[in-house]
mmCIF file of all heavy atoms, coordinates in Angstrom:
data_MODEL
# 
_entry.id   MODEL 
# 
loop_
_atom_site.group_PDB 
_atom_site.id 
_atom_site.type_symbol 
_atom_site.label_atom_id 
_atom_site.label_alt_id 
_atom_site.label_comp_id 
_atom_site.label_asym_id 
_atom_site.label_entity_id 
_atom_site.label_seq_id 
_atom_site.pdbx_PDB_ins_code 
_atom_site.Cartn_x 
_atom_site.Cartn_y 
_atom_site.Cartn_z 
_atom_site.occupancy 
_atom_site.B_iso_or_equiv 
_atom_site.pdbx_formal_charge 
_atom_site.auth_seq_id 
_atom_site.auth_comp_id 
_atom_site.auth_asym_id 
_atom_site.auth_atom_id 
_atom_site.pdbx_PDB_model_num 
ATOM 1   N N   . GLN A 1 1  ? -33.444 3.589   4.676  1.00 0.00 ? 1  GLN A N   1 
ATOM 2   C CA  . GLN A 1 1  ? -34.796 3.218   5.033  1.00 0.00 ? 1  GLN A CA  1 
ATOM 3   C C   . GLN A 1 1  ? -35.779 4.183   4.362  1.00 0.00 ? 1  GLN A C   1 
ATOM 4   O O   . GLN A 1 1  ? -35.764 5.374   4.607  1.00 0.00 ? 1  GLN A O   1 
ATOM 5   C CB  . GLN A 1 1  ? -34.979 3.283   6.570  1.00 0.00 ? 1  GLN A CB  1 
ATOM 6   C CG  . GLN A 1 1  ? -34.247 2.202   7.308  1.00 0.00 ? 1  GLN A CG  1 
ATOM 7   C CD  . GLN A 1 1  ? -34.808 0.819   6.967  1.00 0.00 ? 1  GLN A CD  1 
ATOM 8   O OE1 . GLN A 1 1  ? -36.020 0.605   6.973  1.00 0.00 ? 1  GLN A OE1 1 
ATOM 9   N NE2 . GLN A 1 1  ? -33.917 -0.118  6.660  1.00 0.00 ? 1  GLN A NE2 1 
ATOM 10  N N   . THR A 1 2  ? -36.584 3.650   3.491  1.00 0.00 ? 2  THR A N   1 
ATOM 11  C CA  . THR A 1 2  ? -37.598 4.434   2.794  1.00 0.00 ? 2  THR A CA  1 
ATOM 12  C C   . THR A 1 2  ? -38.957 3.817   3.061  1.00 0.00 ? 2  THR A C   1 
ATOM 13  O O   . THR A 1 2  ? -39.099 2.786   3.723  1.00 0.00 ? 2  THR A O   1 
ATOM 14  C CB  . THR A 1 2  ? -37.332 4.446   1.273  1.00 0.00 ? 2  THR A CB  1 
ATOM 15  O OG1 . THR A 1 2  ? -37.451 3.108   0.792  1.00 0.00 ? 2  THR A OG1 1 
ATOM 16  C CG2 . THR A 1 2  ? -35.929 4.980   0.977  1.00 0.00 ? 2  THR A CG2 1 
ATOM 17  N N   . PHE A 1 3  ? -39.968 4.484   2.498  1.00 0.00 ? 3  PHE A N   1 
ATOM 18  C CA  . PHE A 1 3  ? -41.327 3.973   2.659  1.00 0.00 ? 3  PHE A CA  1 
ATOM 19  C C   . PHE A 1 3  ? -41.451 2.585   2.042  1.00 0.00 ? 3  PHE A C   1 
ATOM 20  O O   . PHE A 1 3  ? -42.155 1.713   2.561  1.00 0.00 ? 3  PHE A O   1 
ATOM 21  C CB  . PHE A 1 3  ? -42.307 4.940   1.988  1.00 0.00 ? 3  PHE A CB  1 
ATOM 22  C CG  . PHE A 1 3  ? -43.739 4.661   2.335  1.00 0.00 ? 3  PHE A CG  1 
ATOM 23  C CD1 . PHE A 1 3  ? -44.273 5.060   3.556  1.00 0.00 ? 3  PHE A CD1 1 
ATOM 24  C CD2 . PHE A 1 3  ? -44.561 3.998   1.446  1.00 0.00 ? 3  PHE A CD2 1 
ATOM 25  C CE1 . PHE A 1 3  ? -45.572 4.806   3.874  1.00 0.00 ? 3  PHE A CE1 1 
ATOM 26  C CE2 . PHE A 1 3  ? -45.882 3.744   1.759  1.00 0.00 ? 3  PHE A CE2 1 
ATOM 27  C CZ  . PHE A 1 3  ? -46.387 4.149   2.989  1.00 0.00 ? 3  PHE A CZ  1 
ATOM 28  N N   . LEU A 1 4  ? -40.744 2.374   0.925  1.00 0.00 ? 4  LEU A N   1 
ATOM 29  C CA  . LEU A 1 4  ? -40.775 1.061   0.274  1.00 0.00 ? 4  LEU A CA  1 
ATOM 30  C C   . LEU A 1 4  ? -40.176 -0.013  1.189  1.00 0.00 ? 4  LEU A C   1 
ATOM 31  O O   . LEU A 1 4  ? -40.680 -1.142  1.273  1.00 0.00 ? 4  LEU A O   1 
ATOM 32  C CB  . LEU A 1 4  ? -40.023 1.112   -1.045 1.00 0.00 ? 4  LEU A CB  1 
ATOM 33  C CG  . LEU A 1 4  ? -39.852 -0.218  -1.787 1.00 0.00 ? 4  LEU A CG  1 
ATOM 34  C CD1 . LEU A 1 4  ? -41.205 -0.817  -2.153 1.00 0.00 ? 4  LEU A CD1 1 
ATOM 35  C CD2 . LEU A 1 4  ? -39.004 -0.053  -3.020 1.00 0.00 ? 4  LEU A CD2 1 
ATOM 36  N N   . ASP A 1 5  ? -39.096 0.320   1.867  1.00 0.00 ? 5  ASP A N   1 
ATOM 37  C CA  . ASP A 1 5  ? -38.455 -0.660  2.749  1.00 0.00 ? 5  ASP A CA  1 
ATOM 38  C C   . ASP A 1 5  ? -39.371 -1.075  3.897  1.00 0.00 ? 5  ASP A C   1 
ATOM 39  O O   . ASP A 1 5  ? -39.327 -2.215  4.359  1.00 0.00 ? 5  ASP A O   1 
ATOM 40  C CB  . ASP A 1 5  ? -37.139 -0.075  3.310  1.00 0.00 ? 5  ASP A CB  1 
ATOM 41  C CG  . ASP A 1 5  ? -36.109 0.164   2.214  1.00 0.00 ? 5  ASP A CG  1 
ATOM 42  O OD1 . ASP A 1 5  ? -36.065 -0.676  1.301  1.00 0.00 ? 5  ASP A OD1 1 
ATOM 43  O OD2 . ASP A 1 5  ? -35.385 1.164   2.272  1.00 0.00 ? 5  ASP A OD2 1 
ATOM 44  N N   . ILE A 1 6  ? -40.198 -0.157  4.368  1.00 0.00 ? 6  ILE A N   1 
ATOM 45  C CA  . ILE A 1 6  ? -41.181 -0.509  5.413  1.00 0.00 ? 6  ILE A CA  1 
ATOM 46  C C   . ILE A 1 6  ? -42.139 -1.571  4.878  1.00 0.00 ? 6  ILE A C   1 
ATOM 47  O O   . ILE A 1 6  ? -42.428 -2.567  5.539  1.00 0.00 ? 6  ILE A O   1 
ATOM 48  C CB  . ILE A 1 6  ? -41.956 0.749   5.859  1.00 0.00 ? 6  ILE A CB  1 
ATOM 49  C CG1 . ILE A 1 6  ? -41.006 1.747   6.511  1.00 0.00 ? 6  ILE A CG1 1 
ATOM 50  C CG2 . ILE A 1 6  ? -43.078 0.367   6.831  1.00 0.00 ? 6  ILE A CG2 1 
ATOM 51  C CD1 . ILE A 1 6  ? -41.662 3.065   6.876  1.00 0.00 ? 6  ILE A CD1 1 
ATOM 52  N N   . GLU A 1 7  ? -42.570 -1.384  3.631  1.00 0.00 ? 7  GLU A N   1 
ATOM 53  C CA  . GLU A 1 7  ? -43.483 -2.359  3.032  1.00 0.00 ? 7  GLU A CA  1 
ATOM 54  C C   . GLU A 1 7  ? -42.805 -3.687  2.800  1.00 0.00 ? 7  GLU A C   1 
ATOM 55  O O   . GLU A 1 7  ? -43.371 -4.750  3.050  1.00 0.00 ? 7  GLU A O   1 
ATOM 56  C CB  . GLU A 1 7  ? -44.004 -1.795  1.709  1.00 0.00 ? 7  GLU A CB  1 
ATOM 57  C CG  . GLU A 1 7  ? -45.035 -2.693  1.047  1.00 0.00 ? 7  GLU A CG  1 
ATOM 58  C CD  . GLU A 1 7  ? -45.565 -2.112  -0.255 1.00 0.00 ? 7  GLU A CD  1 
ATOM 59  O OE1 . GLU A 1 7  ? -45.064 -1.023  -0.662 1.00 0.00 ? 7  GLU A OE1 1 
ATOM 60  O OE2 . GLU A 1 7  ? -46.440 -2.729  -0.843 1.00 0.00 ? 7  GLU A OE2 1 
ATOM 61  N N   . LEU A 1 8  ? -41.529 -3.646  2.353  1.00 0.00 ? 8  LEU A N   1 
ATOM 62  C CA  . LEU A 1 8  ? -40.814 -4.890  2.112  1.00 0.00 ? 8  LEU A CA  1 
ATOM 63  C C   . LEU A 1 8  ? -40.569 -5.637  3.427  1.00 0.00 ? 8  LEU A C   1 
ATOM 64  O O   . LEU A 1 8  ? -40.655 -6.884  3.459  1.00 0.00 ? 8  LEU A O   1 
ATOM 65  C CB  . LEU A 1 8  ? -39.478 -4.577  1.428  1.00 0.00 ? 8  LEU A CB  1 
ATOM 66  C CG  . LEU A 1 8  ? -39.575 -3.974  0.020  1.00 0.00 ? 8  LEU A CG  1 
ATOM 67  C CD1 . LEU A 1 8  ? -38.189 -3.654  -0.523 1.00 0.00 ? 8  LEU A CD1 1 
ATOM 68  C CD2 . LEU A 1 8  ? -40.307 -4.941  -0.932 1.00 0.00 ? 8  LEU A CD2 1 
ATOM 69  N N   . ASN A 1 9  ? -40.260 -4.905  4.493  1.00 0.00 ? 9  ASN A N   1 
ATOM 70  C CA  . ASN A 1 9  ? -40.082 -5.551  5.801  1.00 0.00 ? 9  ASN A CA  1 
ATOM 71  C C   . ASN A 1 9  ? -41.385 -6.212  6.244  1.00 0.00 ? 9  ASN A C   1 
ATOM 72  O O   . ASN A 1 9  ? -41.368 -7.298  6.835  1.00 0.00 ? 9  ASN A O   1 
ATOM 73  C CB  . ASN A 1 9  ? -39.643 -4.523  6.829  1.00 0.00 ? 9  ASN A CB  1 
ATOM 74  C CG  . ASN A 1 9  ? -38.127 -4.307  6.809  1.00 0.00 ? 9  ASN A CG  1 
ATOM 75  O OD1 . ASN A 1 9  ? -37.356 -5.233  7.031  1.00 0.00 ? 9  ASN A OD1 1 
ATOM 76  N ND2 . ASN A 1 9  ? -37.693 -3.086  6.539  1.00 0.00 ? 9  ASN A ND2 1 
ATOM 77  N N   . TYR A 1 10 ? -42.477 -5.525  6.001  1.00 0.00 ? 10 TYR A N   1 
ATOM 78  C CA  . TYR A 1 10 ? -43.777 -6.108  6.365  1.00 0.00 ? 10 TYR A CA  1 
ATOM 79  C C   . TYR A 1 10 ? -44.012 -7.427  5.607  1.00 0.00 ? 10 TYR A C   1 
ATOM 80  O O   . TYR A 1 10 ? -44.405 -8.448  6.184  1.00 0.00 ? 10 TYR A O   1 
ATOM 81  C CB  . TYR A 1 10 ? -44.904 -5.120  6.045  1.00 0.00 ? 10 TYR A CB  1 
ATOM 82  C CG  . TYR A 1 10 ? -46.278 -5.745  6.170  1.00 0.00 ? 10 TYR A CG  1 
ATOM 83  C CD1 . TYR A 1 10 ? -46.869 -5.928  7.427  1.00 0.00 ? 10 TYR A CD1 1 
ATOM 84  C CD2 . TYR A 1 10 ? -46.978 -6.156  5.028  1.00 0.00 ? 10 TYR A CD2 1 
ATOM 85  C CE1 . TYR A 1 10 ? -48.125 -6.518  7.540  1.00 0.00 ? 10 TYR A CE1 1 
ATOM 86  C CE2 . TYR A 1 10 ? -48.216 -6.737  5.138  1.00 0.00 ? 10 TYR A CE2 1 
ATOM 87  C CZ  . TYR A 1 10 ? -48.785 -6.899  6.390  1.00 0.00 ? 10 TYR A CZ  1 
ATOM 88  O OH  . TYR A 1 10 ? -50.026 -7.486  6.487  1.00 0.00 ? 10 TYR A OH  1 
ATOM 89  N N   . GLN A 1 11 ? -43.757 -7.431  4.304  1.00 0.00 ? 11 GLN A N   1 
ATOM 90  C CA  . GLN A 1 11 ? -43.941 -8.626  3.490  1.00 0.00 ? 11 GLN A CA  1 
ATOM 91  C C   . GLN A 1 11 ? -43.038 -9.762  3.986  1.00 0.00 ? 11 GLN A C   1 
ATOM 92  O O   . GLN A 1 11 ? -43.473 -10.934 4.062  1.00 0.00 ? 11 GLN A O   1 
ATOM 93  C CB  . GLN A 1 11 ? -43.633 -8.323  2.031  1.00 0.00 ? 11 GLN A CB  1 
ATOM 94  C CG  . GLN A 1 11 ? -44.562 -7.286  1.405  1.00 0.00 ? 11 GLN A CG  1 
ATOM 95  C CD  . GLN A 1 11 ? -44.012 -6.785  0.086  1.00 0.00 ? 11 GLN A CD  1 
ATOM 96  O OE1 . GLN A 1 11 ? -43.100 -7.366  -0.478 1.00 0.00 ? 11 GLN A OE1 1 
ATOM 97  N NE2 . GLN A 1 11 ? -44.595 -5.706  -0.420 1.00 0.00 ? 11 GLN A NE2 1 
ATOM 98  N N   . LEU A 1 12 ? -41.815 -9.413  4.314  1.00 0.00 ? 12 LEU A N   1 
ATOM 99  C CA  . LEU A 1 12 ? -40.864 -10.416 4.757  1.00 0.00 ? 12 LEU A CA  1 
ATOM 100 C C   . LEU A 1 12 ? -41.291 -11.055 6.088  1.00 0.00 ? 12 LEU A C   1 
ATOM 101 O O   . LEU A 1 12 ? -41.197 -12.276 6.287  1.00 0.00 ? 12 LEU A O   1 
ATOM 102 C CB  . LEU A 1 12 ? -39.474 -9.792  4.883  1.00 0.00 ? 12 LEU A CB  1 
ATOM 103 C CG  . LEU A 1 12 ? -38.263 -10.744 4.788  1.00 0.00 ? 12 LEU A CG  1 
ATOM 104 C CD1 . LEU A 1 12 ? -38.305 -11.550 3.525  1.00 0.00 ? 12 LEU A CD1 1 
ATOM 105 C CD2 . LEU A 1 12 ? -36.982 -9.943  4.885  1.00 0.00 ? 12 LEU A CD2 1 
ATOM 106 N N   . LEU A 1 13 ? -41.791 -10.212 7.013  1.00 0.00 ? 13 LEU A N   1 
ATOM 107 C CA  . LEU A 1 13 ? -42.256 -10.728 8.292  1.00 0.00 ? 13 LEU A CA  1 
ATOM 108 C C   . LEU A 1 13 ? -43.473 -11.616 8.134  1.00 0.00 ? 13 LEU A C   1 
ATOM 109 O O   . LEU A 1 13 ? -43.636 -12.621 8.832  1.00 0.00 ? 13 LEU A O   1 
ATOM 110 C CB  . LEU A 1 13 ? -42.568 -9.550  9.242  1.00 0.00 ? 13 LEU A CB  1 
ATOM 111 C CG  . LEU A 1 13 ? -41.341 -8.838  9.826  1.00 0.00 ? 13 LEU A CG  1 
ATOM 112 C CD1 . LEU A 1 13 ? -41.761 -7.515  10.463 1.00 0.00 ? 13 LEU A CD1 1 
ATOM 113 C CD2 . LEU A 1 13 ? -40.647 -9.740  10.840 1.00 0.00 ? 13 LEU A CD2 1 
ATOM 114 N N   . MET A 1 14 ? -44.349 -11.259 7.192  1.00 0.00 ? 14 MET A N   1 
ATOM 115 C CA  . MET A 1 14 ? -45.535 -12.099 6.942  1.00 0.00 ? 14 MET A CA  1 
ATOM 116 C C   . MET A 1 14 ? -45.123 -13.460 6.374  1.00 0.00 ? 14 MET A C   1 
ATOM 117 O O   . MET A 1 14 ? -45.738 -14.495 6.684  1.00 0.00 ? 14 MET A O   1 
ATOM 118 C CB  . MET A 1 14 ? -46.505 -11.400 6.000  1.00 0.00 ? 14 MET A CB  1 
ATOM 119 C CG  . MET A 1 14 ? -47.143 -10.145 6.595  1.00 0.00 ? 14 MET A CG  1 
ATOM 120 S SD  . MET A 1 14 ? -48.087 -10.473 8.092  1.00 0.00 ? 14 MET A SD  1 
ATOM 121 C CE  . MET A 1 14 ? -49.489 -11.338 7.454  1.00 0.00 ? 14 MET A CE  1 
ATOM 122 N N   . LEU A 1 15 ? -44.082 -13.479 5.556  1.00 0.00 ? 15 LEU A N   1 
ATOM 123 C CA  . LEU A 1 15 ? -43.567 -14.736 5.044  1.00 0.00 ? 15 LEU A CA  1 
ATOM 124 C C   . LEU A 1 15 ? -42.983 -15.568 6.176  1.00 0.00 ? 15 LEU A C   1 
ATOM 125 O O   . LEU A 1 15 ? -43.201 -16.796 6.255  1.00 0.00 ? 15 LEU A O   1 
ATOM 126 C CB  . LEU A 1 15 ? -42.514 -14.474 3.966  1.00 0.00 ? 15 LEU A CB  1 
ATOM 127 C CG  . LEU A 1 15 ? -41.789 -15.716 3.403  1.00 0.00 ? 15 LEU A CG  1 
ATOM 128 C CD1 . LEU A 1 15 ? -42.775 -16.737 2.859  1.00 0.00 ? 15 LEU A CD1 1 
ATOM 129 C CD2 . LEU A 1 15 ? -40.774 -15.300 2.340  1.00 0.00 ? 15 LEU A CD2 1 
ATOM 130 N N   . LYS A 1 16 ? -42.237 -14.925 7.080  1.00 0.00 ? 16 LYS A N   1 
ATOM 131 C CA  . LYS A 1 16 ? -41.688 -15.669 8.222  1.00 0.00 ? 16 LYS A CA  1 
ATOM 132 C C   . LYS A 1 16 ? -42.807 -16.214 9.100  1.00 0.00 ? 16 LYS A C   1 
ATOM 133 O O   . LYS A 1 16 ? -42.735 -17.342 9.606  1.00 0.00 ? 16 LYS A O   1 
ATOM 134 C CB  . LYS A 1 16 ? -40.802 -14.733 9.049  1.00 0.00 ? 16 LYS A CB  1 
ATOM 135 C CG  . LYS A 1 16 ? -39.492 -14.345 8.399  1.00 0.00 ? 16 LYS A CG  1 
ATOM 136 C CD  . LYS A 1 16 ? -38.699 -13.419 9.314  1.00 0.00 ? 16 LYS A CD  1 
ATOM 137 C CE  . LYS A 1 16 ? -37.371 -13.022 8.715  1.00 0.00 ? 16 LYS A CE  1 
ATOM 138 N NZ  . LYS A 1 16 ? -36.593 -12.148 9.615  1.00 0.00 ? 16 LYS A NZ  1 
ATOM 139 N N   . ALA A 1 17 ? -43.858 -15.432 9.281  1.00 0.00 ? 17 ALA A N   1 
ATOM 140 C CA  . ALA A 1 17 ? -45.002 -15.894 10.078 1.00 0.00 ? 17 ALA A CA  1 
ATOM 141 C C   . ALA A 1 17 ? -45.674 -17.095 9.403  1.00 0.00 ? 17 ALA A C   1 
ATOM 142 O O   . ALA A 1 17 ? -46.090 -18.050 10.088 1.00 0.00 ? 17 ALA A O   1 
ATOM 143 C CB  . ALA A 1 17 ? -46.011 -14.761 10.249 1.00 0.00 ? 17 ALA A CB  1 
ATOM 144 N N   . GLU A 1 18 ? -45.729 -17.088 8.083  1.00 0.00 ? 18 GLU A N   1 
ATOM 145 C CA  . GLU A 1 18 ? -46.300 -18.214 7.365  1.00 0.00 ? 18 GLU A CA  1 
ATOM 146 C C   . GLU A 1 18 ? -45.479 -19.488 7.595  1.00 0.00 ? 18 GLU A C   1 
ATOM 147 O O   . GLU A 1 18 ? -46.031 -20.579 7.827  1.00 0.00 ? 18 GLU A O   1 
ATOM 148 C CB  . GLU A 1 18 ? -46.360 -17.901 5.865  1.00 0.00 ? 18 GLU A CB  1 
ATOM 149 C CG  . GLU A 1 18 ? -46.855 -19.076 5.030  1.00 0.00 ? 18 GLU A CG  1 
ATOM 150 C CD  . GLU A 1 18 ? -46.837 -18.788 3.558  1.00 0.00 ? 18 GLU A CD  1 
ATOM 151 O OE1 . GLU A 1 18 ? -46.590 -17.620 3.181  1.00 0.00 ? 18 GLU A OE1 1 
ATOM 152 O OE2 . GLU A 1 18 ? -47.051 -19.707 2.788  1.00 0.00 ? 18 GLU A OE2 1 
ATOM 153 N N   . ILE A 1 19 ? -44.157 -19.333 7.537  1.00 0.00 ? 19 ILE A N   1 
ATOM 154 C CA  . ILE A 1 19 ? -43.285 -20.502 7.738  1.00 0.00 ? 19 ILE A CA  1 
ATOM 155 C C   . ILE A 1 19 ? -43.433 -21.023 9.169  1.00 0.00 ? 19 ILE A C   1 
ATOM 156 O O   . ILE A 1 19 ? -43.543 -22.229 9.391  1.00 0.00 ? 19 ILE A O   1 
ATOM 157 C CB  . ILE A 1 19 ? -41.821 -20.115 7.433  1.00 0.00 ? 19 ILE A CB  1 
ATOM 158 C CG1 . ILE A 1 19 ? -41.659 -19.757 5.960  1.00 0.00 ? 19 ILE A CG1 1 
ATOM 159 C CG2 . ILE A 1 19 ? -40.879 -21.254 7.816  1.00 0.00 ? 19 ILE A CG2 1 
ATOM 160 C CD1 . ILE A 1 19 ? -40.302 -19.197 5.592  1.00 0.00 ? 19 ILE A CD1 1 
ATOM 161 N N   . ALA A 1 20 ? -43.453 -20.112 10.145 1.00 0.00 ? 20 ALA A N   1 
ATOM 162 C CA  . ALA A 1 20 ? -43.593 -20.522 11.552 1.00 0.00 ? 20 ALA A CA  1 
ATOM 163 C C   . ALA A 1 20 ? -44.941 -21.197 11.775 1.00 0.00 ? 20 ALA A C   1 
ATOM 164 O O   . ALA A 1 20 ? -45.051 -22.192 12.494 1.00 0.00 ? 20 ALA A O   1 
ATOM 165 C CB  . ALA A 1 20 ? -43.428 -19.327 12.466 1.00 0.00 ? 20 ALA A CB  1 
ATOM 166 N N   . THR A 1 21 ? -46.007 -20.683 11.144 1.00 0.00 ? 21 THR A N   1 
ATOM 167 C CA  . THR A 1 21 ? -47.334 -21.277 11.279 1.00 0.00 ? 21 THR A CA  1 
ATOM 168 C C   . THR A 1 21 ? -47.354 -22.668 10.679 1.00 0.00 ? 21 THR A C   1 
ATOM 169 O O   . THR A 1 21 ? -47.914 -23.615 11.251 1.00 0.00 ? 21 THR A O   1 
ATOM 170 C CB  . THR A 1 21 ? -48.372 -20.385 10.589 1.00 0.00 ? 21 THR A CB  1 
ATOM 171 O OG1 . THR A 1 21 ? -48.363 -19.090 11.188 1.00 0.00 ? 21 THR A OG1 1 
ATOM 172 C CG2 . THR A 1 21 ? -49.762 -20.992 10.716 1.00 0.00 ? 21 THR A CG2 1 
ATOM 173 N N   . SER A 1 22 ? -46.729 -22.813 9.527  1.00 0.00 ? 22 SER A N   1 
ATOM 174 C CA  . SER A 1 22 ? -46.694 -24.133 8.873  1.00 0.00 ? 22 SER A CA  1 
ATOM 175 C C   . SER A 1 22 ? -45.953 -25.148 9.716  1.00 0.00 ? 22 SER A C   1 
ATOM 176 O O   . SER A 1 22 ? -46.279 -26.337 9.718  1.00 0.00 ? 22 SER A O   1 
ATOM 177 C CB  . SER A 1 22 ? -46.040 -24.013 7.488  1.00 0.00 ? 22 SER A CB  1 
ATOM 178 O OG  . SER A 1 22 ? -45.991 -25.244 6.834  1.00 0.00 ? 22 SER A OG  1 
ATOM 179 N N   . GLN A 1 23 ? -44.962 -24.679 10.494 1.00 0.00 ? 23 GLN A N   1 
ATOM 180 C CA  . GLN A 1 23 ? -44.201 -25.563 11.373 1.00 0.00 ? 23 GLN A CA  1 
ATOM 181 C C   . GLN A 1 23 ? -44.843 -25.681 12.771 1.00 0.00 ? 23 GLN A C   1 
ATOM 182 O O   . GLN A 1 23 ? -44.236 -26.259 13.677 1.00 0.00 ? 23 GLN A O   1 
ATOM 183 C CB  . GLN A 1 23 ? -42.771 -25.047 11.493 1.00 0.00 ? 23 GLN A CB  1 
ATOM 184 C CG  . GLN A 1 23 ? -41.990 -25.120 10.183 1.00 0.00 ? 23 GLN A CG  1 
ATOM 185 C CD  . GLN A 1 23 ? -40.619 -24.490 10.291 1.00 0.00 ? 23 GLN A CD  1 
ATOM 186 O OE1 . GLN A 1 23 ? -40.366 -23.678 11.159 1.00 0.00 ? 23 GLN A OE1 1 
ATOM 187 N NE2 . GLN A 1 23 ? -39.716 -24.907 9.410  1.00 0.00 ? 23 GLN A NE2 1 
ATOM 188 N N   . GLU A 1 24 ? -46.038 -25.058 12.926 1.00 0.00 ? 24 GLU A N   1 
ATOM 189 C CA  . GLU A 1 24 ? -46.777 -25.124 14.169 1.00 0.00 ? 24 GLU A CA  1 
ATOM 190 C C   . GLU A 1 24 ? -46.009 -24.515 15.341 1.00 0.00 ? 24 GLU A C   1 
ATOM 191 O O   . GLU A 1 24 ? -46.193 -24.921 16.510 1.00 0.00 ? 24 GLU A O   1 
ATOM 192 C CB  . GLU A 1 24 ? -47.225 -26.544 14.498 1.00 0.00 ? 24 GLU A CB  1 
ATOM 193 C CG  . GLU A 1 24 ? -48.122 -27.171 13.437 1.00 0.00 ? 24 GLU A CG  1 
ATOM 194 C CD  . GLU A 1 24 ? -48.613 -28.551 13.814 1.00 0.00 ? 24 GLU A CD  1 
ATOM 195 O OE1 . GLU A 1 24 ? -48.199 -29.060 14.872 1.00 0.00 ? 24 GLU A OE1 1 
ATOM 196 O OE2 . GLU A 1 24 ? -49.430 -29.094 13.062 1.00 0.00 ? 24 GLU A OE2 1 
ATOM 197 N N   . ASP A 1 25 ? -45.171 -23.523 15.052 1.00 0.00 ? 25 ASP A N   1 
ATOM 198 C CA  . ASP A 1 25 ? -44.463 -22.766 16.100 1.00 0.00 ? 25 ASP A CA  1 
ATOM 199 C C   . ASP A 1 25 ? -45.284 -21.502 16.340 1.00 0.00 ? 25 ASP A C   1 
ATOM 200 O O   . ASP A 1 25 ? -44.985 -20.413 15.818 1.00 0.00 ? 25 ASP A O   1 
ATOM 201 C CB  . ASP A 1 25 ? -43.046 -22.441 15.646 1.00 0.00 ? 25 ASP A CB  1 
ATOM 202 C CG  . ASP A 1 25 ? -42.195 -21.881 16.781 1.00 0.00 ? 25 ASP A CG  1 
ATOM 203 O OD1 . ASP A 1 25 ? -42.791 -21.479 17.808 1.00 0.00 ? 25 ASP A OD1 1 
ATOM 204 O OD2 . ASP A 1 25 ? -40.966 -21.828 16.634 1.00 0.00 ? 25 ASP A OD2 1 
ATOM 205 N N   . ASN A 1 26 ? -46.325 -21.623 17.156 1.00 0.00 ? 26 ASN A N   1 
ATOM 206 C CA  . ASN A 1 26 ? -47.285 -20.546 17.316 1.00 0.00 ? 26 ASN A CA  1 
ATOM 207 C C   . ASN A 1 26 ? -46.697 -19.327 18.019 1.00 0.00 ? 26 ASN A C   1 
ATOM 208 O O   . ASN A 1 26 ? -47.047 -18.175 17.706 1.00 0.00 ? 26 ASN A O   1 
ATOM 209 C CB  . ASN A 1 26 ? -48.527 -21.028 18.087 1.00 0.00 ? 26 ASN A CB  1 
ATOM 210 C CG  . ASN A 1 26 ? -49.315 -22.039 17.255 1.00 0.00 ? 26 ASN A CG  1 
ATOM 211 O OD1 . ASN A 1 26 ? -49.438 -21.897 16.052 1.00 0.00 ? 26 ASN A OD1 1 
ATOM 212 N ND2 . ASN A 1 26 ? -49.857 -23.044 17.925 1.00 0.00 ? 26 ASN A ND2 1 
# 
């Protein structure tokens, strides 16, 4: 776990949030 991995995890979670939003799973 490095500082970069924190950023990558953040990006990945935002992508998941985008998918959930598109599927209207609020």
